[in-house]
Amino acid sequence: MKYKVAALIVTAAFTLTACNDGQLSVSPVRDVQNIEVQNDHTVRVECETGICQFELTTANHDEIKVNMFYNSKLPFEKIEGVSVTGPEGATVRIEGNNQFTLELEGSDKPTKVQVIDYYRN
């Protein structure tokens, strides 16, 4: 019985580790109050001032959707611009007042993104 439980734990740990490879990860750089990965293709960023920077990383070639908010309830009113360091900048599409998408090439190098809201504080 002990061996079956140990084997199950090792298998579960290996599966969780294998699933993490290639997943989307995010990190704040400047003026980000909260940032979270909602799923493998969607990020939520809270930026009180309306201007902030963050980094995105994934090992897979993926289209990423970013939703911008001032706080937990108030979305950006109108994205003025999105600046991306590197070739991913050419793939940015503003999809709505508080949402944009970009394609990450799938390297482990972080892509730096700066977002500016038109009605920033």
PDB file of N, CA and C in Angstrom:
ATOM      1  N   MET A   1       0.815  -1.180   0.000  1.00  0.00           N
ATOM      2  CA  MET A   1       0.000   0.000   0.000  1.00  0.00           C
ATOM      3  C   MET A   1       0.867   1.256   0.000  1.00  0.00           C
ATOM      4  N   LYS A   2       1.933   1.252   0.845  1.00  0.00           N
ATOM      5  CA  LYS A   2       2.822   2.405   0.918  1.00  0.00           C
ATOM      6  C   LYS A   2       3.486   2.663  -0.426  1.00  0.00           C
ATOM      7  N   TYR A   3       3.850   1.605  -1.143  1.00  0.00           N
ATOM      8  CA  TYR A   3       4.502   1.759  -2.426  1.00  0.00           C
ATOM      9  C   TYR A   3       3.562   2.341  -3.478  1.00  0.00           C
ATOM     10  N   LYS A   4       2.295   1.954  -3.413  1.00  0.00           N
ATOM     11  CA  LYS A   4       1.312   2.491  -4.354  1.00  0.00           C
ATOM     12  C   LYS A   4       1.104   3.985  -4.125  1.00  0.00           C
ATOM     13  N   VAL A   5       1.023   4.388  -2.860  1.00  0.00           N
ATOM     14  CA  VAL A   5       0.857   5.811  -2.537  1.00  0.00           C
ATOM     15  C   VAL A   5       2.093   6.590  -2.978  1.00  0.00           C
ATOM     16  N   ALA A   6       3.280   6.063  -2.711  1.00  0.00           N
ATOM     17  CA  ALA A   6       4.518   6.727  -3.109  1.00  0.00           C
ATOM     18  C   ALA A   6       4.601   6.847  -4.630  1.00  0.00           C
ATOM     19  N   ALA A   7       4.226   5.800  -5.333  1.00  0.00           N
ATOM     20  CA  ALA A   7       4.243   5.842  -6.796  1.00  0.00           C
ATOM     21  C   ALA A   7       3.247   6.860  -7.323  1.00  0.00           C
ATOM     22  N   LEU A   8       2.096   6.959  -6.699  1.00  0.00           N
ATOM     23  CA  LEU A   8       1.080   7.929  -7.101  1.00  0.00           C
ATOM     24  C   LEU A   8       1.576   9.355  -6.878  1.00  0.00           C
ATOM     25  N   ILE A   9       2.233   9.599  -5.756  1.00  0.00           N
ATOM     26  CA  ILE A   9       2.767  10.930  -5.460  1.00  0.00           C
ATOM     27  C   ILE A   9       3.854  11.308  -6.460  1.00  0.00           C
ATOM     28  N   VAL A  10       4.755  10.389  -6.767  1.00  0.00           N
ATOM     29  CA  VAL A  10       5.814  10.660  -7.736  1.00  0.00           C
ATOM     30  C   VAL A  10       5.218  10.928  -9.111  1.00  0.00           C
ATOM     31  N   THR A  11       4.238  10.147  -9.513  1.00  0.00           N
ATOM     32  CA  THR A  11       3.582  10.345 -10.805  1.00  0.00           C
ATOM     33  C   THR A  11       2.884  11.699 -10.858  1.00  0.00           C
ATOM     34  N   ALA A  12       2.185  12.071  -9.804  1.00  0.00           N
ATOM     35  CA  ALA A  12       1.491  13.360  -9.762  1.00  0.00           C
ATOM     36  C   ALA A  12       2.491  14.512  -9.815  1.00  0.00           C
ATOM     37  N   ALA A  13       3.592  14.415  -9.085  1.00  0.00           N
ATOM     38  CA  ALA A  13       4.613  15.470  -9.096  1.00  0.00           C
ATOM     39  C   ALA A  13       5.220  15.611 -10.484  1.00  0.00           C
ATOM     40  N   PHE A  14       5.506  14.489 -11.140  1.00  0.00           N
ATOM     41  CA  PHE A  14       6.054  14.534 -12.492  1.00  0.00           C
ATOM     42  C   PHE A  14       5.066  15.161 -13.457  1.00  0.00           C
ATOM     43  N   THR A  15       3.795  14.819 -13.349  1.00  0.00           N
ATOM     44  CA  THR A  15       2.766  15.372 -14.227  1.00  0.00           C
ATOM     45  C   THR A  15       2.643  16.880 -14.042  1.00  0.00           C
ATOM     46  N   LEU A  16       2.641  17.361 -12.808  1.00  0.00           N
ATOM     47  CA  LEU A  16       2.554  18.796 -12.559  1.00  0.00           C
ATOM     48  C   LEU A  16       3.767  19.524 -13.108  1.00  0.00           C
ATOM     49  N   THR A  17       4.943  18.934 -12.956  1.00  0.00           N
ATOM     50  CA  THR A  17       6.153  19.550 -13.488  1.00  0.00           C
ATOM     51  C   THR A  17       6.107  19.590 -15.000  1.00  0.00           C
ATOM     52  N   ALA A  18       5.675  18.543 -15.629  1.00  0.00           N
ATOM     53  CA  ALA A  18       5.609  18.494 -17.081  1.00  0.00           C
ATOM     54  C   ALA A  18       4.597  19.495 -17.620  1.00  0.00           C
ATOM     55  N   CYS A  19       3.497  19.713 -16.905  1.00  0.00           N
ATOM     56  CA  CYS A  19       2.482  20.658 -17.358  1.00  0.00           C
ATOM     57  C   CYS A  19       2.963  22.096 -17.262  1.00  0.00           C
ATOM     58  N   ASN A  20       3.896  22.385 -16.366  1.00  0.00           N
ATOM     59  CA  ASN A  20       4.379  23.745 -16.211  1.00  0.00           C
ATOM     60  C   ASN A  20       5.283  24.173 -17.350  1.00  0.00           C
ATOM     61  N   ASP A  21       5.892  23.226 -18.060  1.00  0.00           N
ATOM     62  CA  ASP A  21       6.751  23.586 -19.174  1.00  0.00           C
ATOM     63  C   ASP A  21       5.940  24.286 -20.243  1.00  0.00           C
ATOM     64  N   GLY A  22       6.396  25.471 -20.640  1.00  0.00           N
ATOM     65  CA  GLY A  22       5.733  26.186 -21.716  1.00  0.00           C
ATOM     66  C   GLY A  22       4.566  27.032 -21.278  1.00  0.00           C
ATOM     67  N   GLN A  23       4.189  26.987 -20.008  1.00  0.00           N
ATOM     68  CA  GLN A  23       3.068  27.794 -19.571  1.00  0.00           C
ATOM     69  C   GLN A  23       3.446  29.261 -19.564  1.00  0.00           C
ATOM     70  N   LEU A  24       2.450  30.088 -19.675  1.00  0.00           N
ATOM     71  CA  LEU A  24       2.612  31.525 -19.651  1.00  0.00           C
ATOM     72  C   LEU A  24       2.985  31.982 -18.248  1.00  0.00           C
ATOM     73  N   SER A  25       3.981  32.834 -18.146  1.00  0.00           N
ATOM     74  CA  SER A  25       4.320  33.435 -16.863  1.00  0.00           C
ATOM     75  C   SER A  25       4.437  34.944 -17.038  1.00  0.00           C
ATOM     76  N   VAL A  26       4.162  35.682 -15.977  1.00  0.00           N
ATOM     77  CA  VAL A  26       4.167  37.137 -16.015  1.00  0.00           C
ATOM     78  C   VAL A  26       4.932  37.680 -14.819  1.00  0.00           C
ATOM     79  N   SER A  27       5.486  38.869 -14.978  1.00  0.00           N
ATOM     80  CA  SER A  27       6.120  39.536 -13.844  1.00  0.00           C
ATOM     81  C   SER A  27       6.004  41.044 -14.014  1.00  0.00           C
ATOM     82  N   PRO A  28       5.681  41.744 -12.922  1.00  0.00           N
ATOM     83  CA  PRO A  28       5.574  43.199 -12.992  1.00  0.00           C
ATOM     84  C   PRO A  28       6.954  43.835 -13.132  1.00  0.00           C
ATOM     85  N   VAL A  29       7.015  44.965 -13.841  1.00  0.00           N
ATOM     86  CA  VAL A  29       8.262  45.710 -13.964  1.00  0.00           C
ATOM     87  C   VAL A  29       8.103  47.082 -13.310  1.00  0.00           C
ATOM     88  N   ARG A  30       7.025  47.808 -13.686  1.00  0.00           N
ATOM     89  CA  ARG A  30       6.827  49.156 -13.137  1.00  0.00           C
ATOM     90  C   ARG A  30       5.345  49.481 -13.031  1.00  0.00           C
ATOM     91  N   ASP A  31       4.939  49.976 -11.865  1.00  0.00           N
ATOM     92  CA  ASP A  31       3.588  50.505 -11.612  1.00  0.00           C
ATOM     93  C   ASP A  31       2.465  49.495 -11.844  1.00  0.00           C
ATOM     94  N   VAL A  32       2.721  48.233 -11.559  1.00  0.00           N
ATOM     95  CA  VAL A  32       1.690  47.195 -11.631  1.00  0.00           C
ATOM     96  C   VAL A  32       1.290  46.840 -10.202  1.00  0.00           C
ATOM     97  N   GLN A  33      -0.006  46.986  -9.887  1.00  0.00           N
ATOM     98  CA  GLN A  33      -0.473  46.657  -8.551  1.00  0.00           C
ATOM     99  C   GLN A  33      -0.762  45.167  -8.414  1.00  0.00           C
ATOM    100  N   ASN A  34      -1.276  44.559  -9.471  1.00  0.00           N
ATOM    101  CA  ASN A  34      -1.578  43.133  -9.448  1.00  0.00           C
ATOM    102  C   ASN A  34      -1.493  42.617 -10.875  1.00  0.00           C
ATOM    103  N   ILE A  35      -0.952  41.414 -11.024  1.00  0.00           N
ATOM    104  CA  ILE A  35      -0.882  40.788 -12.340  1.00  0.00           C
ATOM    105  C   ILE A  35      -1.071  39.295 -12.143  1.00  0.00           C
ATOM    106  N   GLU A  36      -1.926  38.693 -12.966  1.00  0.00           N
ATOM    107  CA  GLU A  36      -2.171  37.264 -12.809  1.00  0.00           C
ATOM    108  C   GLU A  36      -2.465  36.607 -14.151  1.00  0.00           C
ATOM    109  N   VAL A  37      -2.001  35.380 -14.260  1.00  0.00           N
ATOM    110  CA  VAL A  37      -2.316  34.552 -15.424  1.00  0.00           C
ATOM    111  C   VAL A  37      -3.655  33.893 -15.142  1.00  0.00           C
ATOM    112  N   GLN A  38      -4.651  34.157 -15.991  1.00  0.00           N
ATOM    113  CA  GLN A  38      -5.971  33.560 -15.794  1.00  0.00           C
ATOM    114  C   GLN A  38      -6.078  32.194 -16.441  1.00  0.00           C
ATOM    115  N   ASN A  39      -5.384  31.991 -17.553  1.00  0.00           N
ATOM    116  CA  ASN A  39      -5.228  30.684 -18.179  1.00  0.00           C
ATOM    117  C   ASN A  39      -3.998  30.772 -19.084  1.00  0.00           C
ATOM    118  N   ASP A  40      -3.718  29.768 -19.885  1.00  0.00           N
ATOM    119  CA  ASP A  40      -2.498  29.753 -20.699  1.00  0.00           C
ATOM    120  C   ASP A  40      -2.463  30.828 -21.775  1.00  0.00           C
ATOM    121  N   HIS A  41      -3.584  31.518 -22.001  1.00  0.00           N
ATOM    122  CA  HIS A  41      -3.644  32.517 -23.068  1.00  0.00           C
ATOM    123  C   HIS A  41      -4.191  33.863 -22.620  1.00  0.00           C
ATOM    124  N   THR A  42      -4.453  34.054 -21.344  1.00  0.00           N
ATOM    125  CA  THR A  42      -5.083  35.287 -20.864  1.00  0.00           C
ATOM    126  C   THR A  42      -4.399  35.794 -19.600  1.00  0.00           C
ATOM    127  N   VAL A  43      -4.144  37.112 -19.581  1.00  0.00           N
ATOM    128  CA  VAL A  43      -3.508  37.773 -18.446  1.00  0.00           C
ATOM    129  C   VAL A  43      -4.379  38.937 -18.005  1.00  0.00           C
ATOM    130  N   ARG A  44      -4.463  39.154 -16.712  1.00  0.00           N
ATOM    131  CA  ARG A  44      -5.169  40.306 -16.140  1.00  0.00           C
ATOM    132  C   ARG A  44      -4.138  41.171 -15.425  1.00  0.00           C
ATOM    133  N   VAL A  45      -4.128  42.479 -15.756  1.00  0.00           N
ATOM    134  CA  VAL A  45      -3.159  43.410 -15.180  1.00  0.00           C
ATOM    135  C   VAL A  45      -3.912  44.569 -14.545  1.00  0.00           C
ATOM    136  N   GLU A  46      -3.552  44.904 -13.303  1.00  0.00           N
ATOM    137  CA  GLU A  46      -4.117  46.070 -12.623  1.00  0.00           C
ATOM    138  C   GLU A  46      -3.029  47.125 -12.501  1.00  0.00           C
ATOM    139  N   CYS A  47      -3.357  48.328 -12.991  1.00  0.00           N
ATOM    140  CA  CYS A  47      -2.403  49.424 -13.085  1.00  0.00           C
ATOM    141  C   CYS A  47      -3.131  50.714 -12.719  1.00  0.00           C
ATOM    142  N   GLU A  48      -2.971  51.182 -11.474  1.00  0.00           N
ATOM    143  CA  GLU A  48      -3.712  52.347 -10.972  1.00  0.00           C
ATOM    144  C   GLU A  48      -3.451  53.627 -11.752  1.00  0.00           C
ATOM    145  N   THR A  49      -2.218  53.831 -12.201  1.00  0.00           N
ATOM    146  CA  THR A  49      -1.863  55.090 -12.857  1.00  0.00           C
ATOM    147  C   THR A  49      -2.241  55.137 -14.331  1.00  0.00           C
ATOM    148  N   GLY A  50      -2.518  54.006 -14.930  1.00  0.00           N
ATOM    149  CA  GLY A  50      -2.832  53.973 -16.356  1.00  0.00           C
ATOM    150  C   GLY A  50      -1.611  53.832 -17.236  1.00  0.00           C
ATOM    151  N   ILE A  51      -0.421  53.790 -16.642  1.00  0.00           N
ATOM    152  CA  ILE A  51       0.828  53.543 -17.376  1.00  0.00           C
ATOM    153  C   ILE A  51       1.609  52.512 -16.576  1.00  0.00           C
ATOM    154  N   CYS A  52       1.964  51.394 -17.212  1.00  0.00           N
ATOM    155  CA  CYS A  52       2.727  50.384 -16.488  1.00  0.00           C
ATOM    156  C   CYS A  52       3.520  49.515 -17.452  1.00  0.00           C
ATOM    157  N   GLN A  53       4.461  48.766 -16.887  1.00  0.00           N
ATOM    158  CA  GLN A  53       5.276  47.822 -17.647  1.00  0.00           C
ATOM    159  C   GLN A  53       5.269  46.467 -16.957  1.00  0.00           C
ATOM    160  N   PHE A  54       5.307  45.419 -17.781  1.00  0.00           N
ATOM    161  CA  PHE A  54       5.383  44.062 -17.264  1.00  0.00           C
ATOM    162  C   PHE A  54       6.039  43.185 -18.310  1.00  0.00           C
ATOM    163  N   GLU A  55       6.399  41.967 -17.906  1.00  0.00           N
ATOM    164  CA  GLU A  55       7.039  41.016 -18.810  1.00  0.00           C
ATOM    165  C   GLU A  55       6.204  39.755 -18.930  1.00  0.00           C
ATOM    166  N   LEU A  56       6.177  39.204 -20.135  1.00  0.00           N
ATOM    167  CA  LEU A  56       5.482  37.948 -20.431  1.00  0.00           C
ATOM    168  C   LEU A  56       6.507  36.955 -20.951  1.00  0.00           C
ATOM    169  N   THR A  57       6.349  35.690 -20.565  1.00  0.00           N
ATOM    170  CA  THR A  57       7.247  34.634 -21.027  1.00  0.00           C
ATOM    171  C   THR A  57       6.448  33.361 -21.262  1.00  0.00           C
ATOM    172  N   THR A  58       6.735  32.692 -22.361  1.00  0.00           N
ATOM    173  CA  THR A  58       6.182  31.366 -22.617  1.00  0.00           C
ATOM    174  C   THR A  58       7.132  30.616 -23.539  1.00  0.00           C
ATOM    175  N   ALA A  59       7.191  29.322 -23.396  1.00  0.00           N
ATOM    176  CA  ALA A  59       8.042  28.508 -24.266  1.00  0.00           C
ATOM    177  C   ALA A  59       7.312  28.101 -25.539  1.00  0.00           C
ATOM    178  N   ASN A  60       5.999  28.323 -25.581  1.00  0.00           N
ATOM    179  CA  ASN A  60       5.199  27.968 -26.752  1.00  0.00           C
ATOM    180  C   ASN A  60       4.897  29.205 -27.590  1.00  0.00           C
ATOM    181  N   HIS A  61       4.710  29.017 -28.879  1.00  0.00           N
ATOM    182  CA  HIS A  61       4.256  30.104 -29.751  1.00  0.00           C
ATOM    183  C   HIS A  61       2.753  30.249 -29.528  1.00  0.00           C
ATOM    184  N   ASP A  62       2.344  31.353 -28.910  1.00  0.00           N
ATOM    185  CA  ASP A  62       0.945  31.522 -28.531  1.00  0.00           C
ATOM    186  C   ASP A  62       0.477  32.943 -28.739  1.00  0.00           C
ATOM    187  N   GLU A  63      -0.821  33.097 -28.993  1.00  0.00           N
ATOM    188  CA  GLU A  63      -1.453  34.403 -28.969  1.00  0.00           C
ATOM    189  C   GLU A  63      -1.945  34.636 -27.544  1.00  0.00           C
ATOM    190  N   ILE A  64      -1.568  35.769 -26.972  1.00  0.00           N
ATOM    191  CA  ILE A  64      -1.883  36.088 -25.585  1.00  0.00           C
ATOM    192  C   ILE A  64      -2.848  37.272 -25.549  1.00  0.00           C
ATOM    193  N   LYS A  65      -3.895  37.146 -24.746  1.00  0.00           N
ATOM    194  CA  LYS A  65      -4.867  38.211 -24.546  1.00  0.00           C
ATOM    195  C   LYS A  65      -4.572  38.874 -23.204  1.00  0.00           C
ATOM    196  N   VAL A  66      -4.468  40.215 -23.197  1.00  0.00           N
ATOM    197  CA  VAL A  66      -4.180  40.959 -21.970  1.00  0.00           C
ATOM    198  C   VAL A  66      -5.351  41.890 -21.680  1.00  0.00           C
ATOM    199  N   ASN A  67      -5.904  41.782 -20.472  1.00  0.00           N
ATOM    200  CA  ASN A  67      -7.008  42.629 -20.019  1.00  0.00           C
ATOM    201  C   ASN A  67      -6.457  43.616 -18.997  1.00  0.00           C
ATOM    202  N   MET A  68      -6.673  44.911 -19.234  1.00  0.00           N
ATOM    203  CA  MET A  68      -6.105  45.968 -18.399  1.00  0.00           C
ATOM    204  C   MET A  68      -7.175  46.599 -17.515  1.00  0.00           C
ATOM    205  N   PHE A  69      -6.828  46.804 -16.240  1.00  0.00           N
ATOM    206  CA  PHE A  69      -7.736  47.393 -15.255  1.00  0.00           C
ATOM    207  C   PHE A  69      -6.978  48.418 -14.408  1.00  0.00           C
ATOM    208  N   TYR A  70      -7.707  49.433 -13.894  1.00  0.00           N
ATOM    209  CA  TYR A  70      -7.130  50.363 -12.916  1.00  0.00           C
ATOM    210  C   TYR A  70      -7.056  49.715 -11.540  1.00  0.00           C
ATOM    211  N   ASN A  71      -8.086  48.942 -11.200  1.00  0.00           N
ATOM    212  CA  ASN A  71      -8.140  48.229  -9.924  1.00  0.00           C
ATOM    213  C   ASN A  71      -8.953  46.954 -10.133  1.00  0.00           C
ATOM    214  N   SER A  72      -9.393  46.319  -9.065  1.00  0.00           N
ATOM    215  CA  SER A  72     -10.063  45.022  -9.205  1.00  0.00           C
ATOM    216  C   SER A  72     -11.394  45.107  -9.949  1.00  0.00           C
ATOM    217  N   LYS A  73     -12.009  46.297 -10.021  1.00  0.00           N
ATOM    218  CA  LYS A  73     -13.328  46.411 -10.651  1.00  0.00           C
ATOM    219  C   LYS A  73     -13.384  47.350 -11.847  1.00  0.00           C
ATOM    220  N   LEU A  74     -12.465  48.306 -11.963  1.00  0.00           N
ATOM    221  CA  LEU A  74     -12.550  49.356 -12.981  1.00  0.00           C
ATOM    222  C   LEU A  74     -11.603  49.073 -14.146  1.00  0.00           C
ATOM    223  N   PRO A  75     -12.147  48.752 -15.324  1.00  0.00           N
ATOM    224  CA  PRO A  75     -11.285  48.492 -16.482  1.00  0.00           C
ATOM    225  C   PRO A  75     -10.752  49.799 -17.085  1.00  0.00           C
ATOM    226  N   PHE A  76      -9.660  49.694 -17.837  1.00  0.00           N
ATOM    227  CA  PHE A  76      -9.175  50.853 -18.595  1.00  0.00           C
ATOM    228  C   PHE A  76     -10.323  51.349 -19.473  1.00  0.00           C
ATOM    229  N   GLU A  77     -10.369  52.665 -19.685  1.00  0.00           N
ATOM    230  CA  GLU A  77     -11.431  53.230 -20.508  1.00  0.00           C
ATOM    231  C   GLU A  77     -11.086  53.212 -21.986  1.00  0.00           C
ATOM    232  N   LYS A  78      -9.808  53.411 -22.314  1.00  0.00           N
ATOM    233  CA  LYS A  78      -9.395  53.405 -23.722  1.00  0.00           C
ATOM    234  C   LYS A  78      -7.873  53.274 -23.777  1.00  0.00           C
ATOM    235  N   ILE A  79      -7.375  52.162 -24.290  1.00  0.00           N
ATOM    236  CA  ILE A  79      -5.932  51.976 -24.414  1.00  0.00           C
ATOM    237  C   ILE A  79      -5.421  52.924 -25.495  1.00  0.00           C
ATOM    238  N   GLU A  80      -4.469  53.777 -25.105  1.00  0.00           N
ATOM    239  CA  GLU A  80      -3.869  54.712 -26.058  1.00  0.00           C
ATOM    240  C   GLU A  80      -2.767  54.040 -26.858  1.00  0.00           C
ATOM    241  N   GLY A  81      -1.984  53.210 -26.182  1.00  0.00           N
ATOM    242  CA  GLY A  81      -0.895  52.557 -26.883  1.00  0.00           C
ATOM    243  C   GLY A  81      -0.312  51.392 -26.110  1.00  0.00           C
ATOM    244  N   VAL A  82       0.276  50.486 -26.876  1.00  0.00           N
ATOM    245  CA  VAL A  82       0.978  49.330 -26.320  1.00  0.00           C
ATOM    246  C   VAL A  82       2.335  49.286 -27.006  1.00  0.00           C
ATOM    247  N   SER A  83       3.388  49.285 -26.213  1.00  0.00           N
ATOM    248  CA  SER A  83       4.742  49.226 -26.734  1.00  0.00           C
ATOM    249  C   SER A  83       5.365  47.907 -26.302  1.00  0.00           C
ATOM    250  N   VAL A  84       5.899  47.172 -27.268  1.00  0.00           N
ATOM    251  CA  VAL A  84       6.491  45.866 -26.976  1.00  0.00           C
ATOM    252  C   VAL A  84       7.932  45.861 -27.467  1.00  0.00           C
ATOM    253  N   THR A  85       8.849  45.457 -26.598  1.00  0.00           N
ATOM    254  CA  THR A  85      10.251  45.354 -26.967  1.00  0.00           C
ATOM    255  C   THR A  85      10.460  44.057 -27.733  1.00  0.00           C
ATOM    256  N   GLY A  86      10.964  44.155 -28.954  1.00  0.00           N
ATOM    257  CA  GLY A  86      11.242  42.977 -29.758  1.00  0.00           C
ATOM    258  C   GLY A  86      10.259  42.810 -30.904  1.00  0.00           C
ATOM    259  N   PRO A  87      10.420  41.722 -31.665  1.00  0.00           N
ATOM    260  CA  PRO A  87       9.600  41.502 -32.851  1.00  0.00           C
ATOM    261  C   PRO A  87       8.119  41.269 -32.551  1.00  0.00           C
ATOM    262  N   GLU A  88       7.777  40.929 -31.307  1.00  0.00           N
ATOM    263  CA  GLU A  88       6.383  40.698 -30.948  1.00  0.00           C
ATOM    264  C   GLU A  88       5.555  41.968 -31.041  1.00  0.00           C
ATOM    265  N   GLY A  89       6.214  43.134 -31.058  1.00  0.00           N
ATOM    266  CA  GLY A  89       5.508  44.404 -31.142  1.00  0.00           C
ATOM    267  C   GLY A  89       4.668  44.535 -32.399  1.00  0.00           C
ATOM    268  N   ALA A  90       5.106  43.918 -33.468  1.00  0.00           N
ATOM    269  CA  ALA A  90       4.365  43.990 -34.724  1.00  0.00           C
ATOM    270  C   ALA A  90       3.073  43.183 -34.684  1.00  0.00           C
ATOM    271  N   THR A  91       2.906  42.338 -33.689  1.00  0.00           N
ATOM    272  CA  THR A  91       1.718  41.482 -33.626  1.00  0.00           C
ATOM    273  C   THR A  91       0.626  42.032 -32.715  1.00  0.00           C
ATOM    274  N   VAL A  92       0.839  43.207 -32.112  1.00  0.00           N
ATOM    275  CA  VAL A  92      -0.128  43.765 -31.162  1.00  0.00           C
ATOM    276  C   VAL A  92      -1.380  44.237 -31.897  1.00  0.00           C
ATOM    277  N   ARG A  93      -2.531  43.818 -31.356  1.00  0.00           N
ATOM    278  CA  ARG A  93      -3.829  44.284 -31.857  1.00  0.00           C
ATOM    279  C   ARG A  93      -4.663  44.729 -30.669  1.00  0.00           C
ATOM    280  N   ILE A  94      -5.088  45.986 -30.677  1.00  0.00           N
ATOM    281  CA  ILE A  94      -5.980  46.455 -29.624  1.00  0.00           C
ATOM    282  C   ILE A  94      -7.376  45.949 -29.973  1.00  0.00           C
ATOM    283  N   GLU A  95      -7.957  45.173 -29.065  1.00  0.00           N
ATOM    284  CA  GLU A  95      -9.222  44.486 -29.311  1.00  0.00           C
ATOM    285  C   GLU A  95     -10.417  45.211 -28.714  1.00  0.00           C
ATOM    286  N   GLY A  96     -10.184  46.112 -27.781  1.00  0.00           N
ATOM    287  CA  GLY A  96     -11.275  46.813 -27.118  1.00  0.00           C
ATOM    288  C   GLY A  96     -10.711  47.911 -26.247  1.00  0.00           C
ATOM    289  N   ASN A  97     -11.558  48.553 -25.464  1.00  0.00           N
ATOM    290  CA  ASN A  97     -11.101  49.654 -24.622  1.00  0.00           C
ATOM    291  C   ASN A  97     -10.065  49.237 -23.592  1.00  0.00           C
ATOM    292  N   ASN A  98     -10.155  47.990 -23.120  1.00  0.00           N
ATOM    293  CA  ASN A  98      -9.217  47.553 -22.090  1.00  0.00           C
ATOM    294  C   ASN A  98      -8.522  46.234 -22.432  1.00  0.00           C
ATOM    295  N   GLN A  99      -8.494  45.849 -23.706  1.00  0.00           N
ATOM    296  CA  GLN A  99      -7.943  44.543 -24.065  1.00  0.00           C
ATOM    297  C   GLN A  99      -7.103  44.635 -25.336  1.00  0.00           C
ATOM    298  N   PHE A 100      -5.988  43.891 -25.326  1.00  0.00           N
ATOM    299  CA  PHE A 100      -5.187  43.749 -26.532  1.00  0.00           C
ATOM    300  C   PHE A 100      -4.634  42.331 -26.607  1.00  0.00           C
ATOM    301  N   THR A 101      -4.213  41.936 -27.788  1.00  0.00           N
ATOM    302  CA  THR A 101      -3.588  40.624 -27.978  1.00  0.00           C
ATOM    303  C   THR A 101      -2.215  40.827 -28.610  1.00  0.00           C
ATOM    304  N   LEU A 102      -1.342  39.863 -28.394  1.00  0.00           N
ATOM    305  CA  LEU A 102      -0.056  39.821 -29.058  1.00  0.00           C
ATOM    306  C   LEU A 102       0.380  38.378 -29.164  1.00  0.00           C
ATOM    307  N   GLU A 103       1.237  38.105 -30.128  1.00  0.00           N
ATOM    308  CA  GLU A 103       1.754  36.756 -30.298  1.00  0.00           C
ATOM    309  C   GLU A 103       3.164  36.693 -29.733  1.00  0.00           C
ATOM    310  N   LEU A 104       3.385  35.719 -28.861  1.00  0.00           N
ATOM    311  CA  LEU A 104       4.724  35.481 -28.335  1.00  0.00           C
ATOM    312  C   LEU A 104       5.361  34.369 -29.151  1.00  0.00           C
ATOM    313  N   GLU A 105       6.635  34.539 -29.456  1.00  0.00           N
ATOM    314  CA  GLU A 105       7.303  33.589 -30.341  1.00  0.00           C
ATOM    315  C   GLU A 105       7.624  32.261 -29.695  1.00  0.00           C
ATOM    316  N   GLY A 106       7.576  32.186 -28.385  1.00  0.00           N
ATOM    317  CA  GLY A 106       7.803  30.909 -27.726  1.00  0.00           C
ATOM    318  C   GLY A 106       9.234  30.682 -27.327  1.00  0.00           C
ATOM    319  N   SER A 107       9.891  31.731 -26.863  1.00  0.00           N
ATOM    320  CA  SER A 107      11.226  31.545 -26.296  1.00  0.00           C
ATOM    321  C   SER A 107      11.119  31.770 -24.796  1.00  0.00           C
ATOM    322  N   ASP A 108      12.120  31.361 -24.083  1.00  0.00           N
ATOM    323  CA  ASP A 108      12.097  31.566 -22.644  1.00  0.00           C
ATOM    324  C   ASP A 108      12.562  32.970 -22.261  1.00  0.00           C
ATOM    325  N   LYS A 109      12.878  33.811 -23.264  1.00  0.00           N
ATOM    326  CA  LYS A 109      13.249  35.198 -22.997  1.00  0.00           C
ATOM    327  C   LYS A 109      11.992  36.014 -22.726  1.00  0.00           C
ATOM    328  N   PRO A 110      12.000  36.851 -21.695  1.00  0.00           N
ATOM    329  CA  PRO A 110      10.816  37.663 -21.410  1.00  0.00           C
ATOM    330  C   PRO A 110      10.611  38.753 -22.464  1.00  0.00           C
ATOM    331  N   THR A 111       9.354  39.030 -22.747  1.00  0.00           N
ATOM    332  CA  THR A 111       8.964  40.115 -23.641  1.00  0.00           C
ATOM    333  C   THR A 111       8.442  41.250 -22.768  1.00  0.00           C
ATOM    334  N   LYS A 112       9.050  42.427 -22.874  1.00  0.00           N
ATOM    335  CA  LYS A 112       8.644  43.574 -22.058  1.00  0.00           C
ATOM    336  C   LYS A 112       7.539  44.339 -22.775  1.00  0.00           C
ATOM    337  N   VAL A 113       6.470  44.641 -22.029  1.00  0.00           N
ATOM    338  CA  VAL A 113       5.301  45.332 -22.565  1.00  0.00           C
ATOM    339  C   VAL A 113       5.043  46.579 -21.727  1.00  0.00           C
ATOM    340  N   GLN A 114       4.767  47.698 -22.405  1.00  0.00           N
ATOM    341  CA  GLN A 114       4.323  48.914 -21.717  1.00  0.00           C
ATOM    342  C   GLN A 114       2.958  49.285 -22.278  1.00  0.00           C
ATOM    343  N   VAL A 115       2.021  49.584 -21.373  1.00  0.00           N
ATOM    344  CA  VAL A 115       0.660  49.931 -21.773  1.00  0.00           C
ATOM    345  C   VAL A 115       0.337  51.312 -21.222  1.00  0.00           C
ATOM    346  N   ILE A 116      -0.316  52.132 -22.062  1.00  0.00           N
ATOM    347  CA  ILE A 116      -0.723  53.483 -21.663  1.00  0.00           C
ATOM    348  C   ILE A 116      -2.206  53.632 -21.951  1.00  0.00           C
ATOM    349  N   ASP A 117      -2.953  54.068 -20.934  1.00  0.00           N
ATOM    350  CA  ASP A 117      -4.375  54.340 -21.103  1.00  0.00           C
ATOM    351  C   ASP A 117      -4.559  55.814 -21.453  1.00  0.00           C
ATOM    352  N   TYR A 118      -5.462  56.090 -22.361  1.00  0.00           N
ATOM    353  CA  TYR A 118      -5.731  57.464 -22.821  1.00  0.00           C
ATOM    354  C   TYR A 118      -6.150  58.359 -21.667  1.00  0.00           C
ATOM    355  N   TYR A 119      -6.943  57.840 -20.742  1.00  0.00           N
ATOM    356  CA  TYR A 119      -7.461  58.629 -19.618  1.00  0.00           C
ATOM    357  C   TYR A 119      -6.663  58.388 -18.346  1.00  0.00           C
ATOM    358  N   ARG A 120      -5.346  58.200 -18.480  1.00  0.00           N
ATOM    359  CA  ARG A 120      -4.495  57.866 -17.327  1.00  0.00           C
ATOM    360  C   ARG A 120      -4.512  58.969 -16.283  1.00  0.00           C
ATOM    361  N   ASN A 121      -4.145  58.594 -15.076  1.00  0.00           N
ATOM    362  CA  ASN A 121      -4.096  59.549 -13.936  1.00  0.00           C
ATOM    363  C   ASN A 121      -2.784  60.305 -13.940  1.00  0.00           C
TER     364      ASN A 121
END
